[in-house]
PDB file of N, CA and C in Angstrom:
ATOM      1  N   UNK A   1      -2.028  10.787 -23.332  1.00  0.00           N
ATOM      2  CA  UNK A   1      -2.225  11.582 -22.270  1.00  0.00           C
ATOM      3  C   UNK A   1      -0.714  12.191 -21.909  1.00  0.00           C
ATOM      4  N   UNK A   2      -0.873  13.506 -21.323  1.00  0.00           N
ATOM      5  CA  UNK A   2       0.330  14.247 -20.988  1.00  0.00           C
ATOM      6  C   UNK A   2       0.116  14.383 -19.576  1.00  0.00           C
ATOM      7  N   UNK A   3       1.215  13.838 -18.900  1.00  0.00           N
ATOM      8  CA  UNK A   3       1.632  14.008 -17.459  1.00  0.00           C
ATOM      9  C   UNK A   3       2.893  14.604 -17.091  1.00  0.00           C
ATOM     10  N   UNK A   4       2.763  14.974 -15.861  1.00  0.00           N
ATOM     11  CA  UNK A   4       3.871  15.787 -15.159  1.00  0.00           C
ATOM     12  C   UNK A   4       4.084  15.183 -13.811  1.00  0.00           C
ATOM     13  N   UNK A   5       5.590  14.950 -13.640  1.00  0.00           N
ATOM     14  CA  UNK A   5       5.825  14.101 -12.353  1.00  0.00           C
ATOM     15  C   UNK A   5       6.701  15.183 -11.622  1.00  0.00           C
ATOM     16  N   UNK A   6       6.588  15.247 -10.422  1.00  0.00           N
ATOM     17  CA  UNK A   6       7.667  16.412  -9.418  1.00  0.00           C
ATOM     18  C   UNK A   6       8.093  15.248  -8.369  1.00  0.00           C
ATOM     19  N   UNK A   7       9.202  15.206  -8.439  1.00  0.00           N
ATOM     20  CA  UNK A   7       9.890  14.387  -7.281  1.00  0.00           C
ATOM     21  C   UNK A   7      10.313  15.411  -6.255  1.00  0.00           C
ATOM     22  N   UNK A   8      10.163  15.118  -4.984  1.00  0.00           N
ATOM     23  CA  UNK A   8      10.819  16.139  -4.081  1.00  0.00           C
ATOM     24  C   UNK A   8      12.297  15.313  -3.509  1.00  0.00           C
ATOM     25  N   UNK A   9      13.148  15.619  -4.061  1.00  0.00           N
ATOM     26  CA  UNK A   9      14.571  15.075  -3.839  1.00  0.00           C
ATOM     27  C   UNK A   9      14.739  14.856  -2.299  1.00  0.00           C
ATOM     28  N   UNK A  10      14.550  15.724  -1.430  1.00  0.00           N
ATOM     29  CA  UNK A  10      14.508  15.753  -0.060  1.00  0.00           C
ATOM     30  C   UNK A  10      13.945  14.577   0.709  1.00  0.00           C
ATOM     31  N   UNK A  11      12.782  13.926  -0.182  1.00  0.00           N
ATOM     32  CA  UNK A  11      12.046  12.834   0.685  1.00  0.00           C
ATOM     33  C   UNK A  11      12.509  11.635   0.111  1.00  0.00           C
ATOM     34  N   UNK A  12      13.416  11.312  -0.788  1.00  0.00           N
ATOM     35  CA  UNK A  12      13.660  10.269  -1.631  1.00  0.00           C
ATOM     36  C   UNK A  12      14.993   9.820  -0.899  1.00  0.00           C
ATOM     37  N   UNK A  13      15.168   8.699  -0.303  1.00  0.00           N
ATOM     38  CA  UNK A  13      16.368   8.253   0.448  1.00  0.00           C
ATOM     39  C   UNK A  13      16.463   6.742   0.196  1.00  0.00           C
ATOM     40  N   UNK A  14      16.998   6.544  -0.889  1.00  0.00           N
ATOM     41  CA  UNK A  14      17.227   4.851  -1.721  1.00  0.00           C
ATOM     42  C   UNK A  14      18.240   4.217  -0.644  1.00  0.00           C
ATOM     43  N   UNK A  15      18.191   3.186  -0.220  1.00  0.00           N
ATOM     44  CA  UNK A  15      18.952   2.323   0.540  1.00  0.00           C
ATOM     45  C   UNK A  15      19.309   1.156  -0.359  1.00  0.00           C
ATOM     46  N   UNK A  16      19.929  -0.064   0.458  1.00  0.00           N
ATOM     47  CA  UNK A  16      20.195  -1.044  -0.199  1.00  0.00           C
ATOM     48  C   UNK A  16      19.088  -1.878  -0.889  1.00  0.00           C
ATOM     49  N   UNK A  17      17.861  -1.599  -0.339  1.00  0.00           N
ATOM     50  CA  UNK A  17      16.703  -2.349  -0.735  1.00  0.00           C
ATOM     51  C   UNK A  17      16.216  -1.510  -2.300  1.00  0.00           C
ATOM     52  N   UNK A  18      16.730  -0.324  -2.337  1.00  0.00           N
ATOM     53  CA  UNK A  18      15.997   0.494  -3.496  1.00  0.00           C
ATOM     54  C   UNK A  18      15.351   1.535  -2.850  1.00  0.00           C
ATOM     55  N   UNK A  19      14.517   2.440  -4.003  1.00  0.00           N
ATOM     56  CA  UNK A  19      13.838   3.335  -3.481  1.00  0.00           C
ATOM     57  C   UNK A  19      12.277   3.033  -3.145  1.00  0.00           C
ATOM     58  N   UNK A  20      12.042   3.559  -1.974  1.00  0.00           N
ATOM     59  CA  UNK A  20      10.800   2.950  -1.368  1.00  0.00           C
ATOM     60  C   UNK A  20       9.578   3.623  -2.261  1.00  0.00           C
ATOM     61  N   UNK A  21       9.730   4.263  -3.107  1.00  0.00           N
ATOM     62  CA  UNK A  21       8.759   5.054  -4.057  1.00  0.00           C
ATOM     63  C   UNK A  21       8.364   4.398  -5.311  1.00  0.00           C
ATOM     64  N   UNK A  22       9.528   3.363  -5.369  1.00  0.00           N
ATOM     65  CA  UNK A  22       9.501   3.059  -7.088  1.00  0.00           C
ATOM     66  C   UNK A  22       8.483   1.798  -6.785  1.00  0.00           C
ATOM     67  N   UNK A  23       7.467   1.836  -7.703  1.00  0.00           N
ATOM     68  CA  UNK A  23       6.478   0.774  -7.711  1.00  0.00           C
ATOM     69  C   UNK A  23       6.242   0.175  -9.201  1.00  0.00           C
ATOM     70  N   UNK A  24       5.843  -1.347  -9.197  1.00  0.00           N
ATOM     71  CA  UNK A  24       5.698  -1.817 -10.467  1.00  0.00           C
ATOM     72  C   UNK A  24       4.137  -2.511 -10.453  1.00  0.00           C
ATOM     73  N   UNK A  25       3.687  -2.594 -11.618  1.00  0.00           N
ATOM     74  CA  UNK A  25       2.344  -3.230 -11.767  1.00  0.00           C
ATOM     75  C   UNK A  25       2.342  -4.696 -11.551  1.00  0.00           C
ATOM     76  N   UNK A  26       1.166  -5.102 -10.699  1.00  0.00           N
ATOM     77  CA  UNK A  26       0.956  -6.231 -10.474  1.00  0.00           C
ATOM     78  C   UNK A  26      -0.489  -6.986 -10.631  1.00  0.00           C
ATOM     79  N   UNK A  27      -0.656  -7.960 -11.306  1.00  0.00           N
ATOM     80  CA  UNK A  27      -2.221  -8.129 -11.432  1.00  0.00           C
ATOM     81  C   UNK A  27      -2.586  -9.131 -10.424  1.00  0.00           C
ATOM     82  N   UNK A  28      -3.817  -8.615  -9.866  1.00  0.00           N
ATOM     83  CA  UNK A  28      -4.369  -9.421  -8.822  1.00  0.00           C
ATOM     84  C   UNK A  28      -6.083  -9.883  -9.083  1.00  0.00           C
ATOM     85  N   UNK A  29      -6.456 -10.784  -8.591  1.00  0.00           N
ATOM     86  CA  UNK A  29      -7.736 -11.291  -9.083  1.00  0.00           C
ATOM     87  C   UNK A  29      -8.544 -10.802  -7.787  1.00  0.00           C
ATOM     88  N   UNK A  30      -9.701 -10.082  -8.226  1.00  0.00           N
ATOM     89  CA  UNK A  30     -10.487  -9.356  -7.399  1.00  0.00           C
ATOM     90  C   UNK A  30     -11.862 -10.019  -7.473  1.00  0.00           C
ATOM     91  N   UNK A  31     -12.522 -10.445  -6.448  1.00  0.00           N
ATOM     92  CA  UNK A  31     -13.751 -10.901  -6.332  1.00  0.00           C
ATOM     93  C   UNK A  31     -14.994  -9.627  -6.409  1.00  0.00           C
ATOM     94  N   UNK A  32     -16.151  -9.938  -6.604  1.00  0.00           N
ATOM     95  CA  UNK A  32     -17.149  -9.039  -6.609  1.00  0.00           C
ATOM     96  C   UNK A  32     -18.335  -9.943  -6.252  1.00  0.00           C
ATOM     97  N   UNK A  33     -19.170  -9.509  -5.153  1.00  0.00           N
ATOM     98  CA  UNK A  33     -20.436 -10.113  -4.979  1.00  0.00           C
ATOM     99  C   UNK A  33     -20.391 -11.560  -4.016  1.00  0.00           C
ATOM    100  N   UNK A  34     -21.307 -11.774  -3.201  1.00  0.00           N
ATOM    101  CA  UNK A  34     -20.981 -12.789  -2.620  1.00  0.00           C
ATOM    102  C   UNK A  34     -22.687 -13.520  -2.497  1.00  0.00           C
ATOM    103  N   UNK A  35     -23.580 -13.001  -3.525  1.00  0.00           N
ATOM    104  CA  UNK A  35     -24.912 -13.588  -3.072  1.00  0.00           C
ATOM    105  C   UNK A  35     -25.198 -15.083  -3.005  1.00  0.00           C
ATOM    106  N   UNK A  36     -24.186 -15.608  -4.182  1.00  0.00           N
ATOM    107  CA  UNK A  36     -24.441 -17.110  -4.252  1.00  0.00           C
ATOM    108  C   UNK A  36     -23.989 -17.994  -3.245  1.00  0.00           C
ATOM    109  N   UNK A  37     -22.718 -17.331  -2.747  1.00  0.00           N
ATOM    110  CA  UNK A  37     -22.226 -17.761  -1.172  1.00  0.00           C
ATOM    111  C   UNK A  37     -23.286 -17.652  -0.268  1.00  0.00           C
ATOM    112  N   UNK A  38     -23.817 -16.422  -0.106  1.00  0.00           N
ATOM    113  CA  UNK A  38     -24.741 -16.475   0.802  1.00  0.00           C
ATOM    114  C   UNK A  38     -25.916 -17.544   0.893  1.00  0.00           C
ATOM    115  N   UNK A  39     -26.181 -17.463  -0.167  1.00  0.00           N
ATOM    116  CA  UNK A  39     -27.447 -18.558  -0.598  1.00  0.00           C
ATOM    117  C   UNK A  39     -27.120 -19.928  -0.109  1.00  0.00           C
ATOM    118  N   UNK A  40     -25.854 -20.211  -0.128  1.00  0.00           N
ATOM    119  CA  UNK A  40     -25.385 -21.627   0.457  1.00  0.00           C
ATOM    120  C   UNK A  40     -25.415 -21.902   1.995  1.00  0.00           C
ATOM    121  N   UNK A  41     -25.698 -20.754   2.581  1.00  0.00           N
ATOM    122  CA  UNK A  41     -25.736 -21.074   4.106  1.00  0.00           C
ATOM    123  C   UNK A  41     -26.894 -21.295   4.698  1.00  0.00           C
ATOM    124  N   UNK A  42     -27.130 -22.101   5.456  1.00  0.00           N
ATOM    125  CA  UNK A  42     -28.548 -22.626   5.894  1.00  0.00           C
ATOM    126  C   UNK A  42     -29.178 -21.195   6.729  1.00  0.00           C
ATOM    127  N   UNK A  43     -30.256 -21.062   6.523  1.00  0.00           N
ATOM    128  CA  UNK A  43     -31.156 -20.125   6.805  1.00  0.00           C
ATOM    129  C   UNK A  43     -30.716 -19.616   8.357  1.00  0.00           C
ATOM    130  N   UNK A  44     -30.774 -20.533   9.092  1.00  0.00           N
ATOM    131  CA  UNK A  44     -30.635 -20.243  10.602  1.00  0.00           C
ATOM    132  C   UNK A  44     -29.477 -19.590  11.146  1.00  0.00           C
ATOM    133  N   UNK A  45     -28.224 -19.828  10.058  1.00  0.00           N
ATOM    134  CA  UNK A  45     -26.945 -19.318  10.510  1.00  0.00           C
ATOM    135  C   UNK A  45     -26.694 -18.192   9.892  1.00  0.00           C
ATOM    136  N   UNK A  46     -27.639 -17.418   8.943  1.00  0.00           N
ATOM    137  CA  UNK A  46     -27.115 -15.914   8.175  1.00  0.00           C
ATOM    138  C   UNK A  46     -26.870 -14.936   9.042  1.00  0.00           C
ATOM    139  N   UNK A  47     -27.940 -14.759  10.100  1.00  0.00           N
ATOM    140  CA  UNK A  47     -27.416 -13.626  11.008  1.00  0.00           C
ATOM    141  C   UNK A  47     -26.357 -13.646  11.913  1.00  0.00           C
ATOM    142  N   UNK A  48     -25.901 -14.660  12.144  1.00  0.00           N
ATOM    143  CA  UNK A  48     -24.524 -15.084  13.042  1.00  0.00           C
ATOM    144  C   UNK A  48     -23.435 -14.441  12.104  1.00  0.00           C
ATOM    145  N   UNK A  49     -23.710 -15.152  10.701  1.00  0.00           N
ATOM    146  CA  UNK A  49     -22.363 -14.894   9.835  1.00  0.00           C
ATOM    147  C   UNK A  49     -22.372 -13.287   9.488  1.00  0.00           C
ATOM    148  N   UNK A  50     -23.530 -12.464   9.340  1.00  0.00           N
ATOM    149  CA  UNK A  50     -23.303 -11.241   9.249  1.00  0.00           C
ATOM    150  C   UNK A  50     -22.698 -10.547  10.448  1.00  0.00           C
ATOM    151  N   UNK A  51     -23.114 -11.166  11.873  1.00  0.00           N
ATOM    152  CA  UNK A  51     -22.334 -10.413  13.018  1.00  0.00           C
ATOM    153  C   UNK A  51     -21.046 -10.830  12.954  1.00  0.00           C
ATOM    154  N   UNK A  52     -20.436 -11.947  12.784  1.00  0.00           N
ATOM    155  CA  UNK A  52     -19.233 -12.311  12.885  1.00  0.00           C
ATOM    156  C   UNK A  52     -18.260 -11.574  11.594  1.00  0.00           C
ATOM    157  N   UNK A  53     -18.696 -11.131  10.596  1.00  0.00           N
ATOM    158  CA  UNK A  53     -18.004 -10.528   9.617  1.00  0.00           C
ATOM    159  C   UNK A  53     -17.462  -8.990   9.979  1.00  0.00           C
ATOM    160  N   UNK A  54     -18.359  -8.526  10.739  1.00  0.00           N
ATOM    161  CA  UNK A  54     -17.856  -7.058  11.312  1.00  0.00           C
ATOM    162  C   UNK A  54     -17.566  -6.023  10.268  1.00  0.00           C
ATOM    163  N   UNK A  55     -18.723  -5.950   9.259  1.00  0.00           N
ATOM    164  CA  UNK A  55     -18.334  -4.831   8.091  1.00  0.00           C
ATOM    165  C   UNK A  55     -18.360  -3.469   8.524  1.00  0.00           C
ATOM    166  N   UNK A  56     -18.564  -2.818   9.620  1.00  0.00           N
ATOM    167  CA  UNK A  56     -18.428  -1.585   9.993  1.00  0.00           C
ATOM    168  C   UNK A  56     -19.882  -0.791   9.771  1.00  0.00           C
ATOM    169  N   UNK A  57     -20.598  -1.221   8.669  1.00  0.00           N
ATOM    170  CA  UNK A  57     -21.997  -0.611   8.659  1.00  0.00           C
ATOM    171  C   UNK A  57     -22.545  -1.297   7.586  1.00  0.00           C
ATOM    172  N   UNK A  58     -24.078  -1.095   7.798  1.00  0.00           N
ATOM    173  CA  UNK A  58     -24.979  -1.957   6.970  1.00  0.00           C
ATOM    174  C   UNK A  58     -24.497  -1.616   5.399  1.00  0.00           C
ATOM    175  N   UNK A  59     -24.358  -0.681   5.148  1.00  0.00           N
ATOM    176  CA  UNK A  59     -24.193  -0.084   3.671  1.00  0.00           C
ATOM    177  C   UNK A  59     -23.241  -0.661   3.024  1.00  0.00           C
ATOM    178  N   UNK A  60     -21.989  -0.891   3.658  1.00  0.00           N
ATOM    179  CA  UNK A  60     -20.923  -1.531   3.464  1.00  0.00           C
ATOM    180  C   UNK A  60     -21.043  -3.132   3.177  1.00  0.00           C
ATOM    181  N   UNK A  61     -21.877  -3.936   4.013  1.00  0.00           N
ATOM    182  CA  UNK A  61     -22.244  -5.258   3.877  1.00  0.00           C
ATOM    183  C   UNK A  61     -22.903  -5.162   2.687  1.00  0.00           C
ATOM    184  N   UNK A  62     -24.063  -4.457   2.300  1.00  0.00           N
ATOM    185  CA  UNK A  62     -25.035  -4.699   0.944  1.00  0.00           C
ATOM    186  C   UNK A  62     -24.187  -4.564  -0.003  1.00  0.00           C
ATOM    187  N   UNK A  63     -23.144  -3.220  -0.130  1.00  0.00           N
ATOM    188  CA  UNK A  63     -22.519  -3.064  -1.449  1.00  0.00           C
ATOM    189  C   UNK A  63     -21.846  -4.232  -1.767  1.00  0.00           C
ATOM    190  N   UNK A  64     -21.116  -4.644  -0.741  1.00  0.00           N
ATOM    191  CA  UNK A  64     -20.062  -5.921  -0.898  1.00  0.00           C
ATOM    192  C   UNK A  64     -20.814  -7.056  -1.361  1.00  0.00           C
ATOM    193  N   UNK A  65     -21.842  -7.633  -0.646  1.00  0.00           N
ATOM    194  CA  UNK A  65     -22.700  -8.619  -1.167  1.00  0.00           C
ATOM    195  C   UNK A  65     -23.363  -8.430  -2.784  1.00  0.00           C
ATOM    196  N   UNK A  66     -23.722  -7.193  -2.987  1.00  0.00           N
ATOM    197  CA  UNK A  66     -24.237  -6.987  -4.392  1.00  0.00           C
ATOM    198  C   UNK A  66     -23.211  -7.000  -5.459  1.00  0.00           C
ATOM    199  N   UNK A  67     -21.991  -6.655  -4.811  1.00  0.00           N
ATOM    200  CA  UNK A  67     -21.037  -6.596  -5.724  1.00  0.00           C
ATOM    201  C   UNK A  67     -20.426  -5.377  -6.457  1.00  0.00           C
ATOM    202  N   UNK A  68     -20.943  -4.309  -5.745  1.00  0.00           N
ATOM    203  CA  UNK A  68     -20.509  -2.908  -6.051  1.00  0.00           C
ATOM    204  C   UNK A  68     -19.024  -2.722  -5.414  1.00  0.00           C
ATOM    205  N   UNK A  69     -18.452  -3.339  -4.665  1.00  0.00           N
ATOM    206  CA  UNK A  69     -17.183  -3.112  -3.832  1.00  0.00           C
ATOM    207  C   UNK A  69     -16.487  -4.392  -4.346  1.00  0.00           C
ATOM    208  N   UNK A  70     -15.174  -4.316  -4.776  1.00  0.00           N
ATOM    209  CA  UNK A  70     -14.381  -5.198  -4.848  1.00  0.00           C
ATOM    210  C   UNK A  70     -13.610  -5.725  -3.708  1.00  0.00           C
ATOM    211  N   UNK A  71     -13.316  -7.186  -3.715  1.00  0.00           N
ATOM    212  CA  UNK A  71     -12.853  -7.571  -2.131  1.00  0.00           C
ATOM    213  C   UNK A  71     -11.234  -8.044  -2.397  1.00  0.00           C
ATOM    214  N   UNK A  72     -10.482  -7.201  -1.588  1.00  0.00           N
ATOM    215  CA  UNK A  72      -9.002  -7.482  -2.013  1.00  0.00           C
ATOM    216  C   UNK A  72      -8.874  -9.056  -1.474  1.00  0.00           C
ATOM    217  N   UNK A  73      -7.548  -9.693  -1.843  1.00  0.00           N
ATOM    218  CA  UNK A  73      -7.570 -10.981  -1.731  1.00  0.00           C
ATOM    219  C   UNK A  73      -7.671 -11.595  -0.105  1.00  0.00           C
ATOM    220  N   UNK A  74      -7.229 -10.654   1.033  1.00  0.00           N
ATOM    221  CA  UNK A  74      -7.472 -10.993   2.071  1.00  0.00           C
ATOM    222  C   UNK A  74      -8.906 -10.921   2.612  1.00  0.00           C
ATOM    223  N   UNK A  75      -9.888 -10.159   1.935  1.00  0.00           N
ATOM    224  CA  UNK A  75     -11.036 -10.001   2.623  1.00  0.00           C
ATOM    225  C   UNK A  75     -11.867 -11.271   1.681  1.00  0.00           C
ATOM    226  N   UNK A  76     -11.346 -11.482   0.546  1.00  0.00           N
ATOM    227  CA  UNK A  76     -11.691 -12.750  -0.106  1.00  0.00           C
ATOM    228  C   UNK A  76     -11.715 -14.083   0.712  1.00  0.00           C
ATOM    229  N   UNK A  77     -10.444 -14.063   1.339  1.00  0.00           N
ATOM    230  CA  UNK A  77     -10.252 -15.393   2.082  1.00  0.00           C
ATOM    231  C   UNK A  77     -11.067 -15.433   3.419  1.00  0.00           C
ATOM    232  N   UNK A  78     -11.087 -14.146   3.819  1.00  0.00           N
ATOM    233  CA  UNK A  78     -11.844 -13.826   5.113  1.00  0.00           C
ATOM    234  C   UNK A  78     -13.362 -14.469   5.083  1.00  0.00           C
ATOM    235  N   UNK A  79     -14.014 -13.895   4.087  1.00  0.00           N
ATOM    236  CA  UNK A  79     -15.383 -14.197   3.551  1.00  0.00           C
ATOM    237  C   UNK A  79     -15.468 -15.909   3.460  1.00  0.00           C
ATOM    238  N   UNK A  80     -14.659 -16.393   2.663  1.00  0.00           N
ATOM    239  CA  UNK A  80     -14.697 -17.972   2.720  1.00  0.00           C
ATOM    240  C   UNK A  80     -14.868 -18.516   3.762  1.00  0.00           C
ATOM    241  N   UNK A  81     -13.788 -18.392   4.359  1.00  0.00           N
ATOM    242  CA  UNK A  81     -13.563 -18.950   5.976  1.00  0.00           C
ATOM    243  C   UNK A  81     -14.804 -18.646   6.672  1.00  0.00           C
ATOM    244  N   UNK A  82     -15.621 -17.613   6.683  1.00  0.00           N
ATOM    245  CA  UNK A  82     -16.689 -17.553   7.444  1.00  0.00           C
ATOM    246  C   UNK A  82     -17.869 -18.085   6.850  1.00  0.00           C
ATOM    247  N   UNK A  83     -17.964 -18.226   5.460  1.00  0.00           N
ATOM    248  CA  UNK A  83     -19.056 -18.857   5.026  1.00  0.00           C
ATOM    249  C   UNK A  83     -18.688 -20.286   5.414  1.00  0.00           C
ATOM    250  N   UNK A  84     -17.648 -20.815   5.310  1.00  0.00           N
ATOM    251  CA  UNK A  84     -17.360 -22.273   5.647  1.00  0.00           C
ATOM    252  C   UNK A  84     -17.725 -22.595   6.898  1.00  0.00           C
ATOM    253  N   UNK A  85     -17.445 -21.527   8.148  1.00  0.00           N
ATOM    254  CA  UNK A  85     -17.672 -21.607   9.376  1.00  0.00           C
ATOM    255  C   UNK A  85     -19.107 -21.723   9.875  1.00  0.00           C
ATOM    256  N   UNK A  86     -20.232 -21.321   9.001  1.00  0.00           N
ATOM    257  CA  UNK A  86     -21.535 -21.183   9.244  1.00  0.00           C
ATOM    258  C   UNK A  86     -22.156 -22.199   8.237  1.00  0.00           C
ATOM    259  N   UNK A  87     -21.594 -23.245   7.696  1.00  0.00           N
ATOM    260  CA  UNK A  87     -22.372 -24.488   6.758  1.00  0.00           C
ATOM    261  C   UNK A  87     -22.601 -24.033   5.488  1.00  0.00           C
ATOM    262  N   UNK A  88     -21.837 -22.992   5.102  1.00  0.00           N
ATOM    263  CA  UNK A  88     -21.874 -22.771   3.581  1.00  0.00           C
ATOM    264  C   UNK A  88     -20.939 -23.640   2.677  1.00  0.00           C
ATOM    265  N   UNK A  89     -21.059 -23.475   1.470  1.00  0.00           N
ATOM    266  CA  UNK A  89     -20.105 -24.030   0.684  1.00  0.00           C
ATOM    267  C   UNK A  89     -19.219 -22.944  -0.178  1.00  0.00           C
ATOM    268  N   UNK A  90     -18.080 -22.675   0.248  1.00  0.00           N
ATOM    269  CA  UNK A  90     -17.033 -21.982  -0.319  1.00  0.00           C
ATOM    270  C   UNK A  90     -16.502 -22.089  -1.511  1.00  0.00           C
ATOM    271  N   UNK A  91     -16.687 -23.545  -2.120  1.00  0.00           N
ATOM    272  CA  UNK A  91     -16.831 -23.981  -3.465  1.00  0.00           C
ATOM    273  C   UNK A  91     -17.601 -23.373  -4.558  1.00  0.00           C
ATOM    274  N   UNK A  92     -18.654 -22.599  -4.221  1.00  0.00           N
ATOM    275  CA  UNK A  92     -19.399 -22.336  -5.161  1.00  0.00           C
ATOM    276  C   UNK A  92     -19.073 -20.913  -5.807  1.00  0.00           C
ATOM    277  N   UNK A  93     -17.901 -20.215  -5.148  1.00  0.00           N
ATOM    278  CA  UNK A  93     -17.121 -19.211  -5.557  1.00  0.00           C
ATOM    279  C   UNK A  93     -18.166 -17.802  -5.478  1.00  0.00           C
ATOM    280  N   UNK A  94     -17.632 -16.824  -5.880  1.00  0.00           N
ATOM    281  CA  UNK A  94     -18.038 -15.365  -5.620  1.00  0.00           C
ATOM    282  C   UNK A  94     -18.985 -15.268  -7.205  1.00  0.00           C
ATOM    283  N   UNK A  95     -19.603 -13.912  -6.894  1.00  0.00           N
ATOM    284  CA  UNK A  95     -20.456 -13.773  -8.309  1.00  0.00           C
ATOM    285  C   UNK A  95     -19.746 -13.647  -9.468  1.00  0.00           C
ATOM    286  N   UNK A  96     -18.688 -13.024  -9.251  1.00  0.00           N
ATOM    287  CA  UNK A  96     -17.979 -12.673 -10.574  1.00  0.00           C
ATOM    288  C   UNK A  96     -16.381 -12.523  -9.937  1.00  0.00           C
ATOM    289  N   UNK A  97     -15.490 -12.481 -11.063  1.00  0.00           N
ATOM    290  CA  UNK A  97     -13.949 -11.914 -10.775  1.00  0.00           C
ATOM    291  C   UNK A  97     -13.485 -11.208 -11.707  1.00  0.00           C
ATOM    292  N   UNK A  98     -12.237 -10.602 -11.743  1.00  0.00           N
ATOM    293  CA  UNK A  98     -12.064  -9.584 -12.368  1.00  0.00           C
ATOM    294  C   UNK A  98     -10.456  -9.459 -12.336  1.00  0.00           C
ATOM    295  N   UNK A  99      -9.734  -9.436 -13.030  1.00  0.00           N
ATOM    296  CA  UNK A  99      -8.182  -9.357 -12.982  1.00  0.00           C
ATOM    297  C   UNK A  99      -8.116  -7.452 -13.060  1.00  0.00           C
ATOM    298  N   UNK A 100      -7.354  -7.271 -11.888  1.00  0.00           N
ATOM    299  CA  UNK A 100      -6.979  -5.922 -12.068  1.00  0.00           C
ATOM    300  C   UNK A 100      -5.308  -5.434 -11.828  1.00  0.00           C
ATOM    301  N   UNK A 101      -4.871  -4.470 -12.080  1.00  0.00           N
ATOM    302  CA  UNK A 101      -3.612  -3.782 -11.814  1.00  0.00           C
ATOM    303  C   UNK A 101      -3.766  -2.861 -10.714  1.00  0.00           C
ATOM    304  N   UNK A 102      -2.692  -3.528  -9.852  1.00  0.00           N
ATOM    305  CA  UNK A 102      -2.355  -2.833  -8.642  1.00  0.00           C
ATOM    306  C   UNK A 102      -0.776  -2.417  -8.748  1.00  0.00           C
ATOM    307  N   UNK A 103      -0.381  -1.348  -8.049  1.00  0.00           N
ATOM    308  CA  UNK A 103       1.035  -0.949  -8.208  1.00  0.00           C
ATOM    309  C   UNK A 103       1.582  -1.365  -6.850  1.00  0.00           C
ATOM    310  N   UNK A 104       2.665  -1.934  -6.728  1.00  0.00           N
ATOM    311  CA  UNK A 104       3.346  -2.486  -5.282  1.00  0.00           C
ATOM    312  C   UNK A 104       4.970  -2.157  -5.287  1.00  0.00           C
ATOM    313  N   UNK A 105       5.736  -2.348  -4.343  1.00  0.00           N
ATOM    314  CA  UNK A 105       7.019  -2.105  -4.183  1.00  0.00           C
ATOM    315  C   UNK A 105       7.322  -3.489  -4.595  1.00  0.00           C
ATOM    316  N   UNK A 106       8.365  -3.483  -5.428  1.00  0.00           N
ATOM    317  CA  UNK A 106       8.798  -4.918  -5.586  1.00  0.00           C
ATOM    318  C   UNK A 106       9.363  -5.618  -4.760  1.00  0.00           C
ATOM    319  N   UNK A 107      10.181  -4.822  -3.910  1.00  0.00           N
ATOM    320  CA  UNK A 107      10.997  -5.810  -2.669  1.00  0.00           C
ATOM    321  C   UNK A 107       9.796  -6.079  -1.819  1.00  0.00           C
ATOM    322  N   UNK A 108       8.611  -5.365  -1.496  1.00  0.00           N
ATOM    323  CA  UNK A 108       7.727  -5.765  -0.505  1.00  0.00           C
ATOM    324  C   UNK A 108       6.858  -6.892  -0.937  1.00  0.00           C
ATOM    325  N   UNK A 109       6.662  -6.862  -2.590  1.00  0.00           N
ATOM    326  CA  UNK A 109       5.749  -7.726  -2.959  1.00  0.00           C
ATOM    327  C   UNK A 109       6.001  -9.384  -2.776  1.00  0.00           C
ATOM    328  N   UNK A 110       7.691  -9.313  -2.878  1.00  0.00           N
ATOM    329  CA  UNK A 110       8.280 -10.612  -2.906  1.00  0.00           C
ATOM    330  C   UNK A 110       8.060 -11.241  -1.424  1.00  0.00           C
ATOM    331  N   UNK A 111       7.972 -10.478  -0.437  1.00  0.00           N
ATOM    332  CA  UNK A 111       8.041 -10.860   1.204  1.00  0.00           C
ATOM    333  C   UNK A 111       6.746 -11.135   1.385  1.00  0.00           C
ATOM    334  N   UNK A 112       5.614 -10.690   0.703  1.00  0.00           N
ATOM    335  CA  UNK A 112       3.982 -10.716   1.241  1.00  0.00           C
ATOM    336  C   UNK A 112       3.469 -11.985   0.852  1.00  0.00           C
TER     337      UNK A 112
END
């Protein structure tokens, strides 16, 4: 694949930490779908769990539950703690996991 990169020298100001635009690949584990986790919650608590998660819209909730949308590590932990809060078993895990590559600033990735 042919690519062409242009750098605007007036926007790049490296300091002692290096260049803020320099990125390196990092592998993360992304979770998809939480139908199995949802099934572990007692039926009487499911509506409260949905309200507590604050998805922003019903479509986002259903796409996430089905596994159409991957979960960041932060969302991953948030869902597991909410499932546990409402009586579910977080140990059953998500429907599937996939390792994906993201690009991060090497300085910021060590502090996070």
